[in-house]
Amino acid sequence: MDQFLNIHGEEGYAIKLDCRSLEFKCISFQRNDIAIILCDTDIRRELADSEYNIRRQQCEEDVSTLQKYDPEIESLRALNHSMLNKYREELSSVVYRRCKYVLDENKRV
């Protein structure tokens, strides 16, 4: 996403990005009542060294399981909480929690 912002970003605008289709929209973001501060903590993080790939695999496992009941589910983005809860017993508790977290975060942001 850093590279995407470097190419398409504009001063005074935020980008609303659909990571599935890569459609984006620049939204005016000029506020005098807040300040955004970026800090370089000098802490480096590599996705290869994190549990990102494990979590992603667990979420893909959920999608694969739920596709047995609804083939149109291509990603967690296609789910809502009621659908996830309907098939909760089909998922391990870890996979269920990971997927619920993704749904909660999608709703929050």
PDB file of N, CA and C in Angstrom:
ATOM      1  N   MET A   1       0.818  -1.193   0.000  1.00  0.00           N
ATOM      2  CA  MET A   1       0.000   0.000   0.000  1.00  0.00           C
ATOM      3  C   MET A   1       0.859   1.253   0.000  1.00  0.00           C
ATOM      4  N   ASP A   2       2.063   1.146   0.552  1.00  0.00           N
ATOM      5  CA  ASP A   2       2.954   2.309   0.531  1.00  0.00           C
ATOM      6  C   ASP A   2       3.222   2.747  -0.900  1.00  0.00           C
ATOM      7  N   GLN A   3       3.499   1.775  -1.768  1.00  0.00           N
ATOM      8  CA  GLN A   3       3.794   2.104  -3.158  1.00  0.00           C
ATOM      9  C   GLN A   3       2.574   2.714  -3.843  1.00  0.00           C
ATOM     10  N   PHE A   4       1.397   2.191  -3.524  1.00  0.00           N
ATOM     11  CA  PHE A   4       0.165   2.709  -4.113  1.00  0.00           C
ATOM     12  C   PHE A   4      -0.003   4.185  -3.737  1.00  0.00           C
ATOM     13  N   LEU A   5       0.216   4.479  -2.474  1.00  0.00           N
ATOM     14  CA  LEU A   5       0.091   5.859  -2.009  1.00  0.00           C
ATOM     15  C   LEU A   5       1.141   6.757  -2.659  1.00  0.00           C
ATOM     16  N   ASN A   6       2.345   6.240  -2.811  1.00  0.00           N
ATOM     17  CA  ASN A   6       3.395   7.039  -3.450  1.00  0.00           C
ATOM     18  C   ASN A   6       3.019   7.423  -4.874  1.00  0.00           C
ATOM     19  N   ILE A   7       2.331   6.557  -5.570  1.00  0.00           N
ATOM     20  CA  ILE A   7       1.949   6.824  -6.960  1.00  0.00           C
ATOM     21  C   ILE A   7       0.706   7.708  -7.052  1.00  0.00           C
ATOM     22  N   HIS A   8      -0.303   7.417  -6.223  1.00  0.00           N
ATOM     23  CA  HIS A   8      -1.605   8.065  -6.378  1.00  0.00           C
ATOM     24  C   HIS A   8      -1.934   9.121  -5.328  1.00  0.00           C
ATOM     25  N   GLY A   9      -1.099   9.248  -4.308  1.00  0.00           N
ATOM     26  CA  GLY A   9      -1.398  10.187  -3.232  1.00  0.00           C
ATOM     27  C   GLY A   9      -1.292  11.638  -3.663  1.00  0.00           C
ATOM     28  N   GLU A  10      -2.092  12.472  -3.028  1.00  0.00           N
ATOM     29  CA  GLU A  10      -2.079  13.910  -3.286  1.00  0.00           C
ATOM     30  C   GLU A  10      -2.095  14.636  -1.949  1.00  0.00           C
ATOM     31  N   GLU A  11      -1.338  15.699  -1.871  1.00  0.00           N
ATOM     32  CA  GLU A  11      -1.304  16.483  -0.637  1.00  0.00           C
ATOM     33  C   GLU A  11      -2.704  16.994  -0.308  1.00  0.00           C
ATOM     34  N   GLY A  12      -3.088  16.841   0.955  1.00  0.00           N
ATOM     35  CA  GLY A  12      -4.392  17.318   1.401  1.00  0.00           C
ATOM     36  C   GLY A  12      -5.523  16.336   1.160  1.00  0.00           C
ATOM     37  N   TYR A  13      -5.186  15.130   0.719  1.00  0.00           N
ATOM     38  CA  TYR A  13      -6.201  14.121   0.425  1.00  0.00           C
ATOM     39  C   TYR A  13      -5.851  12.788   1.091  1.00  0.00           C
ATOM     40  N   ALA A  14      -6.880  12.067   1.480  1.00  0.00           N
ATOM     41  CA  ALA A  14      -6.735  10.684   1.928  1.00  0.00           C
ATOM     42  C   ALA A  14      -7.184   9.802   0.770  1.00  0.00           C
ATOM     43  N   ILE A  15      -6.706   8.589   0.750  1.00  0.00           N
ATOM     44  CA  ILE A  15      -7.113   7.661  -0.308  1.00  0.00           C
ATOM     45  C   ILE A  15      -8.001   6.579   0.283  1.00  0.00           C
ATOM     46  N   LYS A  16      -9.155   6.400  -0.322  1.00  0.00           N
ATOM     47  CA  LYS A  16     -10.022   5.276   0.003  1.00  0.00           C
ATOM     48  C   LYS A  16      -9.731   4.221  -1.051  1.00  0.00           C
ATOM     49  N   LEU A  17      -9.163   3.100  -0.617  1.00  0.00           N
ATOM     50  CA  LEU A  17      -8.688   2.077  -1.547  1.00  0.00           C
ATOM     51  C   LEU A  17      -9.435   0.773  -1.339  1.00  0.00           C
ATOM     52  N   ASP A  18      -9.936   0.214  -2.421  1.00  0.00           N
ATOM     53  CA  ASP A  18     -10.521  -1.120  -2.417  1.00  0.00           C
ATOM     54  C   ASP A  18      -9.401  -2.072  -2.818  1.00  0.00           C
ATOM     55  N   CYS A  19      -8.891  -2.823  -1.854  1.00  0.00           N
ATOM     56  CA  CYS A  19      -7.728  -3.683  -2.118  1.00  0.00           C
ATOM     57  C   CYS A  19      -8.065  -4.875  -3.007  1.00  0.00           C
ATOM     58  N   ARG A  20      -9.323  -5.183  -3.168  1.00  0.00           N
ATOM     59  CA  ARG A  20      -9.686  -6.287  -4.051  1.00  0.00           C
ATOM     60  C   ARG A  20      -9.660  -5.851  -5.512  1.00  0.00           C
ATOM     61  N   SER A  21     -10.262  -4.715  -5.802  1.00  0.00           N
ATOM     62  CA  SER A  21     -10.343  -4.262  -7.197  1.00  0.00           C
ATOM     63  C   SER A  21      -9.290  -3.204  -7.537  1.00  0.00           C
ATOM     64  N   LEU A  22      -8.652  -2.656  -6.525  1.00  0.00           N
ATOM     65  CA  LEU A  22      -7.701  -1.547  -6.653  1.00  0.00           C
ATOM     66  C   LEU A  22      -8.360  -0.253  -7.127  1.00  0.00           C
ATOM     67  N   GLU A  23      -9.685  -0.196  -7.017  1.00  0.00           N
ATOM     68  CA  GLU A  23     -10.370   1.071  -7.265  1.00  0.00           C
ATOM     69  C   GLU A  23     -10.042   1.992  -6.093  1.00  0.00           C
ATOM     70  N   PHE A  24      -9.856   3.275  -6.381  1.00  0.00           N
ATOM     71  CA  PHE A  24      -9.556   4.199  -5.302  1.00  0.00           C
ATOM     72  C   PHE A  24     -10.202   5.546  -5.567  1.00  0.00           C
ATOM     73  N   LYS A  25     -10.288   6.298  -4.508  1.00  0.00           N
ATOM     74  CA  LYS A  25     -10.890   7.619  -4.587  1.00  0.00           C
ATOM     75  C   LYS A  25     -10.098   8.528  -3.646  1.00  0.00           C
ATOM     76  N   CYS A  26      -9.703   9.692  -4.133  1.00  0.00           N
ATOM     77  CA  CYS A  26      -9.034  10.677  -3.283  1.00  0.00           C
ATOM     78  C   CYS A  26     -10.116  11.515  -2.607  1.00  0.00           C
ATOM     79  N   ILE A  27     -10.033  11.603  -1.290  1.00  0.00           N
ATOM     80  CA  ILE A  27     -11.029  12.317  -0.507  1.00  0.00           C
ATOM     81  C   ILE A  27     -10.341  13.476   0.198  1.00  0.00           C
ATOM     82  N   SER A  28     -10.881  14.656   0.026  1.00  0.00           N
ATOM     83  CA  SER A  28     -10.291  15.836   0.664  1.00  0.00           C
ATOM     84  C   SER A  28     -10.181  15.604   2.165  1.00  0.00           C
ATOM     85  N   PHE A  29      -8.999  15.888   2.691  1.00  0.00           N
ATOM     86  CA  PHE A  29      -8.758  15.688   4.114  1.00  0.00           C
ATOM     87  C   PHE A  29      -7.933  16.864   4.613  1.00  0.00           C
ATOM     88  N   GLN A  30      -8.601  17.983   4.717  1.00  0.00           N
ATOM     89  CA  GLN A  30      -7.936  19.195   5.192  1.00  0.00           C
ATOM     90  C   GLN A  30      -8.637  19.632   6.460  1.00  0.00           C
ATOM     91  N   ARG A  31      -7.993  19.320   7.580  1.00  0.00           N
ATOM     92  CA  ARG A  31      -8.588  19.593   8.884  1.00  0.00           C
ATOM     93  C   ARG A  31      -7.642  20.455   9.694  1.00  0.00           C
ATOM     94  N   ASN A  32      -8.174  21.477  10.306  1.00  0.00           N
ATOM     95  CA  ASN A  32      -7.372  22.326  11.183  1.00  0.00           C
ATOM     96  C   ASN A  32      -7.493  21.914  12.648  1.00  0.00           C
ATOM     97  N   ASP A  33      -8.450  21.032  12.935  1.00  0.00           N
ATOM     98  CA  ASP A  33      -8.692  20.658  14.328  1.00  0.00           C
ATOM     99  C   ASP A  33      -7.928  19.405  14.765  1.00  0.00           C
ATOM    100  N   ILE A  34      -7.176  18.793  13.850  1.00  0.00           N
ATOM    101  CA  ILE A  34      -6.387  17.617  14.217  1.00  0.00           C
ATOM    102  C   ILE A  34      -5.010  17.708  13.564  1.00  0.00           C
ATOM    103  N   ALA A  35      -4.111  16.930  14.100  1.00  0.00           N
ATOM    104  CA  ALA A  35      -2.774  16.835  13.513  1.00  0.00           C
ATOM    105  C   ALA A  35      -2.427  15.363  13.388  1.00  0.00           C
ATOM    106  N   ILE A  36      -1.851  14.997  12.278  1.00  0.00           N
ATOM    107  CA  ILE A  36      -1.391  13.631  12.069  1.00  0.00           C
ATOM    108  C   ILE A  36       0.120  13.650  12.164  1.00  0.00           C
ATOM    109  N   ILE A  37       0.638  12.844  13.055  1.00  0.00           N
ATOM    110  CA  ILE A  37       2.077  12.810  13.282  1.00  0.00           C
ATOM    111  C   ILE A  37       2.584  11.414  12.943  1.00  0.00           C
ATOM    112  N   LEU A  38       3.553  11.334  12.054  1.00  0.00           N
ATOM    113  CA  LEU A  38       4.184  10.074  11.692  1.00  0.00           C
ATOM    114  C   LEU A  38       5.533  10.011  12.385  1.00  0.00           C
ATOM    115  N   CYS A  39       5.805   8.881  13.013  1.00  0.00           N
ATOM    116  CA  CYS A  39       7.069   8.718  13.739  1.00  0.00           C
ATOM    117  C   CYS A  39       7.815   7.510  13.200  1.00  0.00           C
ATOM    118  N   ASP A  40       9.085   7.671  12.974  1.00  0.00           N
ATOM    119  CA  ASP A  40       9.930   6.543  12.601  1.00  0.00           C
ATOM    120  C   ASP A  40      10.538   5.999  13.887  1.00  0.00           C
ATOM    121  N   THR A  41      10.032   4.847  14.329  1.00  0.00           N
ATOM    122  CA  THR A  41      10.508   4.240  15.575  1.00  0.00           C
ATOM    123  C   THR A  41      11.779   3.446  15.360  1.00  0.00           C
ATOM    124  N   ASP A  42      12.179   3.331  14.110  1.00  0.00           N
ATOM    125  CA  ASP A  42      13.372   2.568  13.742  1.00  0.00           C
ATOM    126  C   ASP A  42      13.222   1.081  14.077  1.00  0.00           C
ATOM    127  N   ILE A  43      11.983   0.630  14.227  1.00  0.00           N
ATOM    128  CA  ILE A  43      11.706  -0.791  14.436  1.00  0.00           C
ATOM    129  C   ILE A  43      11.302  -1.372  13.101  1.00  0.00           C
ATOM    130  N   ARG A  44      12.007  -2.357  12.645  1.00  0.00           N
ATOM    131  CA  ARG A  44      11.736  -2.966  11.352  1.00  0.00           C
ATOM    132  C   ARG A  44      10.895  -4.222  11.546  1.00  0.00           C
ATOM    133  N   ARG A  45       9.951  -4.397  10.653  1.00  0.00           N
ATOM    134  CA  ARG A  45       9.067  -5.553  10.705  1.00  0.00           C
ATOM    135  C   ARG A  45       9.014  -6.163   9.323  1.00  0.00           C
ATOM    136  N   GLU A  46       9.210  -7.436   9.271  1.00  0.00           N
ATOM    137  CA  GLU A  46       9.148  -8.164   8.008  1.00  0.00           C
ATOM    138  C   GLU A  46       7.965  -9.121   8.074  1.00  0.00           C
ATOM    139  N   LEU A  47       7.119  -9.095   7.056  1.00  0.00           N
ATOM    140  CA  LEU A  47       5.972 -10.004   7.048  1.00  0.00           C
ATOM    141  C   LEU A  47       6.410 -11.457   7.086  1.00  0.00           C
ATOM    142  N   ALA A  48       7.537 -11.768   6.478  1.00  0.00           N
ATOM    143  CA  ALA A  48       8.015 -13.153   6.454  1.00  0.00           C
ATOM    144  C   ALA A  48       8.343 -13.646   7.858  1.00  0.00           C
ATOM    145  N   ASP A  49       8.729 -12.742   8.742  1.00  0.00           N
ATOM    146  CA  ASP A  49       9.084 -13.117  10.109  1.00  0.00           C
ATOM    147  C   ASP A  49       7.917 -13.017  11.077  1.00  0.00           C
ATOM    148  N   SER A  50       6.767 -12.593  10.603  1.00  0.00           N
ATOM    149  CA  SER A  50       5.609 -12.425  11.484  1.00  0.00           C
ATOM    150  C   SER A  50       4.656 -13.603  11.297  1.00  0.00           C
ATOM    151  N   GLU A  51       3.562 -13.569  12.029  1.00  0.00           N
ATOM    152  CA  GLU A  51       2.541 -14.618  11.890  1.00  0.00           C
ATOM    153  C   GLU A  51       1.497 -14.248  10.844  1.00  0.00           C
ATOM    154  N   TYR A  52       1.778 -13.228  10.062  1.00  0.00           N
ATOM    155  CA  TYR A  52       0.826 -12.774   9.045  1.00  0.00           C
ATOM    156  C   TYR A  52       0.396 -13.923   8.136  1.00  0.00           C
ATOM    157  N   ASN A  53       1.357 -14.676   7.620  1.00  0.00           N
ATOM    158  CA  ASN A  53       1.027 -15.755   6.678  1.00  0.00           C
ATOM    159  C   ASN A  53       0.180 -16.833   7.334  1.00  0.00           C
ATOM    160  N   ILE A  54       0.427 -17.113   8.605  1.00  0.00           N
ATOM    161  CA  ILE A  54      -0.383 -18.101   9.335  1.00  0.00           C
ATOM    162  C   ILE A  54      -1.809 -17.586   9.477  1.00  0.00           C
ATOM    163  N   ARG A  55      -1.951 -16.339   9.880  1.00  0.00           N
ATOM    164  CA  ARG A  55      -3.295 -15.762  10.046  1.00  0.00           C
ATOM    165  C   ARG A  55      -4.040 -15.723   8.717  1.00  0.00           C
ATOM    166  N   ARG A  56      -3.335 -15.351   7.674  1.00  0.00           N
ATOM    167  CA  ARG A  56      -3.959 -15.311   6.344  1.00  0.00           C
ATOM    168  C   ARG A  56      -4.434 -16.707   5.943  1.00  0.00           C
ATOM    169  N   GLN A  57      -3.603 -17.711   6.187  1.00  0.00           N
ATOM    170  CA  GLN A  57      -3.978 -19.094   5.865  1.00  0.00           C
ATOM    171  C   GLN A  57      -5.209 -19.517   6.650  1.00  0.00           C
ATOM    172  N   GLN A  58      -5.282 -19.123   7.906  1.00  0.00           N
ATOM    173  CA  GLN A  58      -6.442 -19.476   8.721  1.00  0.00           C
ATOM    174  C   GLN A  58      -7.711 -18.830   8.179  1.00  0.00           C
ATOM    175  N   CYS A  59      -7.615 -17.609   7.741  1.00  0.00           N
ATOM    176  CA  CYS A  59      -8.782 -16.942   7.169  1.00  0.00           C
ATOM    177  C   CYS A  59      -9.178 -17.576   5.834  1.00  0.00           C
ATOM    178  N   GLU A  60      -8.191 -17.970   5.046  1.00  0.00           N
ATOM    179  CA  GLU A  60      -8.484 -18.656   3.792  1.00  0.00           C
ATOM    180  C   GLU A  60      -9.137 -20.011   4.056  1.00  0.00           C
ATOM    181  N   GLU A  61      -8.756 -20.647   5.150  1.00  0.00           N
ATOM    182  CA  GLU A  61      -9.380 -21.911   5.558  1.00  0.00           C
ATOM    183  C   GLU A  61     -10.862 -21.701   5.826  1.00  0.00           C
ATOM    184  N   ASP A  62     -11.196 -20.604   6.485  1.00  0.00           N
ATOM    185  CA  ASP A  62     -12.587 -20.270   6.761  1.00  0.00           C
ATOM    186  C   ASP A  62     -13.353 -20.094   5.461  1.00  0.00           C
ATOM    187  N   VAL A  63     -12.798 -19.341   4.557  1.00  0.00           N
ATOM    188  CA  VAL A  63     -13.468 -19.102   3.271  1.00  0.00           C
ATOM    189  C   VAL A  63     -13.693 -20.430   2.552  1.00  0.00           C
ATOM    190  N   SER A  64     -12.693 -21.272   2.539  1.00  0.00           N
ATOM    191  CA  SER A  64     -12.803 -22.571   1.872  1.00  0.00           C
ATOM    192  C   SER A  64     -13.908 -23.415   2.493  1.00  0.00           C
ATOM    193  N   THR A  65     -13.982 -23.419   3.808  1.00  0.00           N
ATOM    194  CA  THR A  65     -15.033 -24.173   4.510  1.00  0.00           C
ATOM    195  C   THR A  65     -16.409 -23.624   4.171  1.00  0.00           C
ATOM    196  N   LEU A  66     -16.548 -22.311   4.194  1.00  0.00           N
ATOM    197  CA  LEU A  66     -17.859 -21.699   3.962  1.00  0.00           C
ATOM    198  C   LEU A  66     -18.296 -21.780   2.501  1.00  0.00           C
ATOM    199  N   GLN A  67     -17.343 -21.924   1.586  1.00  0.00           N
ATOM    200  CA  GLN A  67     -17.696 -22.078   0.175  1.00  0.00           C
ATOM    201  C   GLN A  67     -18.472 -23.366  -0.071  1.00  0.00           C
ATOM    202  N   LYS A  68     -18.322 -24.334   0.807  1.00  0.00           N
ATOM    203  CA  LYS A  68     -19.099 -25.580   0.677  1.00  0.00           C
ATOM    204  C   LYS A  68     -20.591 -25.301   0.804  1.00  0.00           C
ATOM    205  N   TYR A  69     -20.936 -24.245   1.558  1.00  0.00           N
ATOM    206  CA  TYR A  69     -22.332 -23.898   1.795  1.00  0.00           C
ATOM    207  C   TYR A  69     -22.809 -22.782   0.873  1.00  0.00           C
ATOM    208  N   ASP A  70     -21.871 -21.938   0.456  1.00  0.00           N
ATOM    209  CA  ASP A  70     -22.213 -20.832  -0.434  1.00  0.00           C
ATOM    210  C   ASP A  70     -21.012 -20.564  -1.347  1.00  0.00           C
ATOM    211  N   PRO A  71     -21.027 -21.123  -2.560  1.00  0.00           N
ATOM    212  CA  PRO A  71     -19.884 -20.999  -3.471  1.00  0.00           C
ATOM    213  C   PRO A  71     -19.540 -19.562  -3.876  1.00  0.00           C
ATOM    214  N   GLU A  72     -20.451 -18.630  -3.643  1.00  0.00           N
ATOM    215  CA  GLU A  72     -20.189 -17.249  -4.025  1.00  0.00           C
ATOM    216  C   GLU A  72     -19.288 -16.517  -3.025  1.00  0.00           C
ATOM    217  N   ILE A  73     -19.003 -17.138  -1.892  1.00  0.00           N
ATOM    218  CA  ILE A  73     -18.106 -16.527  -0.909  1.00  0.00           C
ATOM    219  C   ILE A  73     -16.676 -16.681  -1.423  1.00  0.00           C
ATOM    220  N   GLU A  74     -16.093 -15.574  -1.844  1.00  0.00           N
ATOM    221  CA  GLU A  74     -14.738 -15.605  -2.388  1.00  0.00           C
ATOM    222  C   GLU A  74     -13.705 -15.088  -1.398  1.00  0.00           C
ATOM    223  N   SER A  75     -14.167 -14.334  -0.400  1.00  0.00           N
ATOM    224  CA  SER A  75     -13.260 -13.786   0.597  1.00  0.00           C
ATOM    225  C   SER A  75     -14.069 -13.458   1.851  1.00  0.00           C
ATOM    226  N   LEU A  76     -13.369 -13.150   2.925  1.00  0.00           N
ATOM    227  CA  LEU A  76     -14.066 -12.780   4.166  1.00  0.00           C
ATOM    228  C   LEU A  76     -14.898 -11.523   3.979  1.00  0.00           C
ATOM    229  N   ARG A  77     -14.496 -10.722   3.031  1.00  0.00           N
ATOM    230  CA  ARG A  77     -15.223  -9.491   2.757  1.00  0.00           C
ATOM    231  C   ARG A  77     -16.680  -9.764   2.364  1.00  0.00           C
ATOM    232  N   ALA A  78     -16.948 -10.947   1.839  1.00  0.00           N
ATOM    233  CA  ALA A  78     -18.305 -11.301   1.407  1.00  0.00           C
ATOM    234  C   ALA A  78     -19.180 -11.753   2.575  1.00  0.00           C
ATOM    235  N   LEU A  79     -18.580 -11.911   3.756  1.00  0.00           N
ATOM    236  CA  LEU A  79     -19.319 -12.412   4.914  1.00  0.00           C
ATOM    237  C   LEU A  79     -19.849 -11.296   5.780  1.00  0.00           C
ATOM    238  N   ASN A  80     -20.841 -11.640   6.561  1.00  0.00           N
ATOM    239  CA  ASN A  80     -21.257 -10.777   7.655  1.00  0.00           C
ATOM    240  C   ASN A  80     -21.289 -11.638   8.919  1.00  0.00           C
ATOM    241  N   HIS A  81     -21.516 -11.024  10.042  1.00  0.00           N
ATOM    242  CA  HIS A  81     -21.453 -11.760  11.309  1.00  0.00           C
ATOM    243  C   HIS A  81     -22.477 -12.892  11.392  1.00  0.00           C
ATOM    244  N   SER A  82     -23.665 -12.674  10.871  1.00  0.00           N
ATOM    245  CA  SER A  82     -24.679 -13.726  10.962  1.00  0.00           C
ATOM    246  C   SER A  82     -24.285 -14.946  10.130  1.00  0.00           C
ATOM    247  N   MET A  83     -23.677 -14.719   8.966  1.00  0.00           N
ATOM    248  CA  MET A  83     -23.210 -15.847   8.151  1.00  0.00           C
ATOM    249  C   MET A  83     -22.095 -16.602   8.875  1.00  0.00           C
ATOM    250  N   LEU A  84     -21.158 -15.851   9.448  1.00  0.00           N
ATOM    251  CA  LEU A  84     -20.053 -16.484  10.166  1.00  0.00           C
ATOM    252  C   LEU A  84     -20.584 -17.300  11.339  1.00  0.00           C
ATOM    253  N   ASN A  85     -21.508 -16.737  12.094  1.00  0.00           N
ATOM    254  CA  ASN A  85     -22.052 -17.446  13.258  1.00  0.00           C
ATOM    255  C   ASN A  85     -22.881 -18.662  12.859  1.00  0.00           C
ATOM    256  N   LYS A  86     -23.523 -18.590  11.724  1.00  0.00           N
ATOM    257  CA  LYS A  86     -24.347 -19.710  11.254  1.00  0.00           C
ATOM    258  C   LYS A  86     -23.510 -20.984  11.091  1.00  0.00           C
ATOM    259  N   TYR A  87     -22.271 -20.831  10.651  1.00  0.00           N
ATOM    260  CA  TYR A  87     -21.398 -21.983  10.407  1.00  0.00           C
ATOM    261  C   TYR A  87     -20.259 -22.080  11.417  1.00  0.00           C
ATOM    262  N   ARG A  88     -20.431 -21.464  12.550  1.00  0.00           N
ATOM    263  CA  ARG A  88     -19.382 -21.429  13.577  1.00  0.00           C
ATOM    264  C   ARG A  88     -18.881 -22.816  13.955  1.00  0.00           C
ATOM    265  N   GLU A  89     -19.783 -23.762  14.049  1.00  0.00           N
ATOM    266  CA  GLU A  89     -19.408 -25.125  14.463  1.00  0.00           C
ATOM    267  C   GLU A  89     -18.513 -25.818  13.441  1.00  0.00           C
ATOM    268  N   GLU A  90     -18.483 -25.312  12.226  1.00  0.00           N
ATOM    269  CA  GLU A  90     -17.661 -25.904  11.169  1.00  0.00           C
ATOM    270  C   GLU A  90     -16.202 -25.441  11.251  1.00  0.00           C
ATOM    271  N   LEU A  91     -15.953 -24.425  12.060  1.00  0.00           N
ATOM    272  CA  LEU A  91     -14.630 -23.801  12.113  1.00  0.00           C
ATOM    273  C   LEU A  91     -13.959 -24.083  13.454  1.00  0.00           C
ATOM    274  N   SER A  92     -12.647 -24.136  13.427  1.00  0.00           N
ATOM    275  CA  SER A  92     -11.940 -24.244  14.703  1.00  0.00           C
ATOM    276  C   SER A  92     -12.116 -22.927  15.446  1.00  0.00           C
ATOM    277  N   SER A  93     -11.931 -22.942  16.752  1.00  0.00           N
ATOM    278  CA  SER A  93     -12.118 -21.723  17.538  1.00  0.00           C
ATOM    279  C   SER A  93     -11.117 -20.648  17.123  1.00  0.00           C
ATOM    280  N   VAL A  94      -9.890 -21.049  16.790  1.00  0.00           N
ATOM    281  CA  VAL A  94      -8.877 -20.075  16.366  1.00  0.00           C
ATOM    282  C   VAL A  94      -9.285 -19.433  15.043  1.00  0.00           C
ATOM    283  N   VAL A  95      -9.707 -20.246  14.089  1.00  0.00           N
ATOM    284  CA  VAL A  95     -10.106 -19.715  12.778  1.00  0.00           C
ATOM    285  C   VAL A  95     -11.328 -18.816  12.935  1.00  0.00           C
ATOM    286  N   TYR A  96     -12.286 -19.234  13.751  1.00  0.00           N
ATOM    287  CA  TYR A  96     -13.470 -18.409  13.984  1.00  0.00           C
ATOM    288  C   TYR A  96     -13.069 -17.041  14.547  1.00  0.00           C
ATOM    289  N   ARG A  97     -12.199 -17.029  15.561  1.00  0.00           N
ATOM    290  CA  ARG A  97     -11.777 -15.765  16.176  1.00  0.00           C
ATOM    291  C   ARG A  97     -11.032 -14.879  15.181  1.00  0.00           C
ATOM    292  N   ARG A  98     -10.177 -15.481  14.365  1.00  0.00           N
ATOM    293  CA  ARG A  98      -9.450 -14.697  13.354  1.00  0.00           C
ATOM    294  C   ARG A  98     -10.445 -14.036  12.389  1.00  0.00           C
ATOM    295  N   CYS A  99     -11.401 -14.821  11.942  1.00  0.00           N
ATOM    296  CA  CYS A  99     -12.365 -14.309  10.959  1.00  0.00           C
ATOM    297  C   CYS A  99     -13.277 -13.263  11.579  1.00  0.00           C
ATOM    298  N   LYS A 100     -13.692 -13.485  12.804  1.00  0.00           N
ATOM    299  CA  LYS A 100     -14.525 -12.495  13.490  1.00  0.00           C
ATOM    300  C   LYS A 100     -13.759 -11.189  13.631  1.00  0.00           C
ATOM    301  N   TYR A 101     -12.485 -11.279  13.953  1.00  0.00           N
ATOM    302  CA  TYR A 101     -11.653 -10.088  14.059  1.00  0.00           C
ATOM    303  C   TYR A 101     -11.617  -9.316  12.736  1.00  0.00           C
ATOM    304  N   VAL A 102     -11.440 -10.033  11.640  1.00  0.00           N
ATOM    305  CA  VAL A 102     -11.409  -9.373  10.329  1.00  0.00           C
ATOM    306  C   VAL A 102     -12.746  -8.675  10.059  1.00  0.00           C
ATOM    307  N   LEU A 103     -13.853  -9.348  10.333  1.00  0.00           N
ATOM    308  CA  LEU A 103     -15.161  -8.732  10.120  1.00  0.00           C
ATOM    309  C   LEU A 103     -15.342  -7.508  10.993  1.00  0.00           C
ATOM    310  N   ASP A 104     -14.938  -7.615  12.271  1.00  0.00           N
ATOM    311  CA  ASP A 104     -15.051  -6.481  13.186  1.00  0.00           C
ATOM    312  C   ASP A 104     -14.218  -5.295  12.693  1.00  0.00           C
ATOM    313  N   GLU A 105     -13.005  -5.565  12.228  1.00  0.00           N
ATOM    314  CA  GLU A 105     -12.134  -4.498  11.739  1.00  0.00           C
ATOM    315  C   GLU A 105     -12.689  -3.872  10.459  1.00  0.00           C
ATOM    316  N   ASN A 106     -13.219  -4.701   9.569  1.00  0.00           N
ATOM    317  CA  ASN A 106     -13.809  -4.162   8.336  1.00  0.00           C
ATOM    318  C   ASN A 106     -14.969  -3.215   8.675  1.00  0.00           C
ATOM    319  N   LYS A 107     -15.762  -3.612   9.650  1.00  0.00           N
ATOM    320  CA  LYS A 107     -16.897  -2.776  10.049  1.00  0.00           C
ATOM    321  C   LYS A 107     -16.387  -1.487  10.708  1.00  0.00           C
ATOM    322  N   ARG A 108     -15.360  -1.609  11.525  1.00  0.00           N
ATOM    323  CA  ARG A 108     -14.847  -0.455  12.256  1.00  0.00           C
ATOM    324  C   ARG A 108     -14.267   0.605  11.313  1.00  0.00           C
ATOM    325  N   VAL A 109     -13.511   0.153  10.324  1.00  0.00           N
ATOM    326  CA  VAL A 109     -12.863   1.127   9.442  1.00  0.00           C
ATOM    327  C   VAL A 109     -13.696   1.387   8.193  1.00  0.00           C
TER     328      VAL A 109
END
